[in-house]
Amino acid sequence: MLECDEVMLTVRITAAERALLRRLAQSHRSDVSEVMADGLLDVLPMLHRQADAYRLLAALAPPAPCAQTVWLPAALADLLVLAAARVAQLTGVRLGSASAILGAAVRLWLCQDPTRLEANLSVMHAGRKALAVA
């Protein structure tokens, strides 16, 4: 069996959300996959309350015409299954795929004030070497 350190997922987001992700990645000398992983780490801990699980589901409501493919560490991608199970437990709504829960989490994360997102990413990236992004 082939082991893989990263998992490729495609999420549906809006053009504005994609532009914000790219801007955040560029300003932190990172890539979109890393920024999306950071956003996921910021959102997942809040899924212990029913109200937050419903907020996550509501993030899926607006149409999202753009596809964004990202690579996540396998261990982080594994958490998506647990997050989907937790959302189902709290709301009775089952999200059909890891991409759906990732898309919802990232869209919820991106609806924050961009200045706050920048500040949070600065804290998360403190001490981390920047990727060489072309």
Protein backbone atom coordinates (compact mmCIF):
# COMPACT_ATOMS: atom_id res chain seq x y z
CA MET A 1 0.00 0.00 0.00
CA LEU A 2 1.26 3.45 -0.92
CA GLU A 3 1.50 5.97 1.91
CA CYS A 4 1.04 9.64 1.17
CA ASP A 5 1.94 12.59 3.36
CA GLU A 6 -0.59 14.88 1.71
CA VAL A 7 -4.14 14.60 0.43
CA MET A 8 -5.49 16.56 -2.54
CA LEU A 9 -8.96 18.06 -2.10
CA THR A 10 -11.02 20.40 -4.23
CA VAL A 11 -13.38 22.85 -2.58
CA ARG A 12 -16.00 25.22 -3.95
CA ILE A 13 -15.50 28.88 -3.04
CA THR A 14 -16.43 32.26 -4.47
CA ALA A 15 -14.11 34.34 -6.63
CA ALA A 16 -13.79 36.87 -3.79
CA GLU A 17 -12.87 34.10 -1.33
CA ARG A 18 -10.29 32.72 -3.76
CA ALA A 19 -8.79 36.19 -4.22
CA LEU A 20 -8.60 36.67 -0.45
CA LEU A 21 -6.92 33.27 0.00
CA ARG A 22 -4.35 34.18 -2.64
CA ARG A 23 -3.74 37.58 -1.08
CA LEU A 24 -3.29 36.04 2.37
CA ALA A 25 -0.89 33.44 0.97
CA GLN A 26 1.13 36.05 -0.88
CA SER A 27 1.37 38.39 2.09
CA HIS A 28 2.64 35.54 4.28
CA ARG A 29 5.02 34.16 1.63
CA SER A 30 3.06 30.94 1.70
CA ASP A 31 0.76 29.03 -0.61
CA VAL A 32 -3.02 28.70 -0.70
CA SER A 33 -2.89 25.13 0.66
CA GLU A 34 -0.98 26.22 3.76
CA VAL A 35 -3.29 29.18 4.38
CA MET A 36 -6.33 26.94 3.97
CA ALA A 37 -4.83 24.45 6.44
CA ASP A 38 -4.28 27.29 8.91
CA GLY A 39 -7.89 28.37 8.48
CA LEU A 40 -9.06 24.84 9.12
CA LEU A 41 -7.01 24.67 12.31
CA ASP A 42 -8.61 27.92 13.41
CA VAL A 43 -12.19 26.70 12.79
CA LEU A 44 -12.16 23.03 13.85
CA PRO A 45 -11.83 23.63 17.62
CA MET A 46 -15.10 25.57 17.68
CA LEU A 47 -17.18 22.58 16.54
CA HIS A 48 -18.05 21.57 20.08
CA ARG A 49 -21.16 23.79 20.15
CA GLN A 50 -24.35 23.25 18.16
CA ALA A 51 -24.65 26.95 17.22
CA ASP A 52 -21.16 26.90 15.69
CA ALA A 53 -21.93 23.73 13.75
CA TYR A 54 -24.97 25.48 12.27
CA ARG A 55 -22.81 28.51 11.40
CA LEU A 56 -20.49 26.16 9.56
CA LEU A 57 -23.42 24.71 7.60
CA ALA A 58 -24.69 28.20 6.79
CA ALA A 59 -21.32 28.98 5.19
CA LEU A 60 -22.22 26.46 2.47
CA ALA A 61 -25.45 28.24 1.52
CA PRO A 62 -24.15 30.97 -0.82
CA PRO A 63 -23.28 29.72 -4.32
CA ALA A 64 -19.59 28.98 -4.81
CA PRO A 65 -18.74 28.81 -8.51
CA CYS A 66 -14.94 28.48 -8.25
CA ALA A 67 -13.04 25.27 -7.68
CA GLN A 68 -9.86 25.49 -5.62
CA THR A 69 -7.60 22.46 -5.33
CA VAL A 70 -5.38 22.25 -2.27
CA TRP A 71 -3.01 19.80 -0.63
CA LEU A 72 -3.46 19.13 3.07
CA PRO A 73 -1.27 17.06 5.39
CA ALA A 74 -2.86 13.61 5.68
CA ALA A 75 -3.28 13.94 9.45
CA LEU A 76 -5.20 17.20 9.01
CA ALA A 77 -7.33 15.71 6.23
CA ASP A 78 -8.19 12.84 8.59
CA LEU A 79 -9.65 15.39 11.00
CA LEU A 80 -12.20 16.35 8.34
CA VAL A 81 -13.94 12.99 8.78
CA LEU A 82 -14.19 13.56 12.53
CA ALA A 83 -15.42 17.12 11.99
CA ALA A 84 -18.12 15.93 9.59
CA ALA A 85 -19.23 13.33 12.14
CA ARG A 86 -19.37 16.00 14.84
CA VAL A 87 -21.45 18.32 12.64
CA ALA A 88 -23.82 15.43 11.89
CA GLN A 89 -24.09 14.63 15.61
CA LEU A 90 -24.89 18.24 16.51
CA THR A 91 -27.18 19.13 13.59
CA GLY A 92 -28.44 15.92 12.03
CA VAL A 93 -26.98 17.07 8.69
CA ARG A 94 -24.44 14.81 7.03
CA LEU A 95 -21.88 16.43 4.79
CA GLY A 96 -21.07 14.01 2.01
CA SER A 97 -17.35 14.53 1.62
CA ALA A 98 -14.16 15.85 3.15
CA SER A 99 -14.21 18.57 0.49
CA ALA A 100 -17.61 19.76 1.71
CA ILE A 101 -16.53 20.12 5.34
CA LEU A 102 -13.25 21.76 4.28
CA GLY A 103 -15.12 24.18 2.02
CA ALA A 104 -17.55 25.06 4.80
CA ALA A 105 -14.77 25.57 7.33
CA VAL A 106 -12.68 27.73 5.03
CA ARG A 107 -15.67 29.81 3.92
CA LEU A 108 -16.63 30.36 7.56
CA TRP A 109 -13.05 31.32 8.38
CA LEU A 110 -12.78 33.72 5.43
CA CYS A 111 -15.93 35.63 6.41
CA GLN A 112 -13.97 37.24 9.25
CA ASP A 113 -12.43 40.67 8.93
CA PRO A 114 -9.40 40.36 6.60
CA THR A 115 -7.28 42.38 9.04
CA ARG A 116 -8.06 39.84 11.75
CA LEU A 117 -7.20 36.98 9.39
CA GLU A 118 -3.84 38.64 8.63
CA ALA A 119 -3.13 39.05 12.33
CA ASN A 120 -4.07 35.45 13.14
CA LEU A 121 -1.89 34.14 10.32
CA SER A 122 1.02 36.23 11.57
CA VAL A 123 0.69 34.56 14.96
CA MET A 124 0.34 31.09 13.40
CA HIS A 125 3.37 31.64 11.15
CA ALA A 126 5.60 33.18 13.81
CA GLY A 127 8.90 31.34 13.80
CA ARG A 128 8.02 29.32 10.70
CA LYS A 129 10.26 29.58 7.66
CA ALA A 130 8.50 31.06 4.64
CA LEU A 131 8.05 28.93 1.54
CA ALA A 132 9.68 30.08 -1.65
CA VAL A 133 6.64 31.02 -3.72
CA ALA A 134 7.06 32.02 -7.33
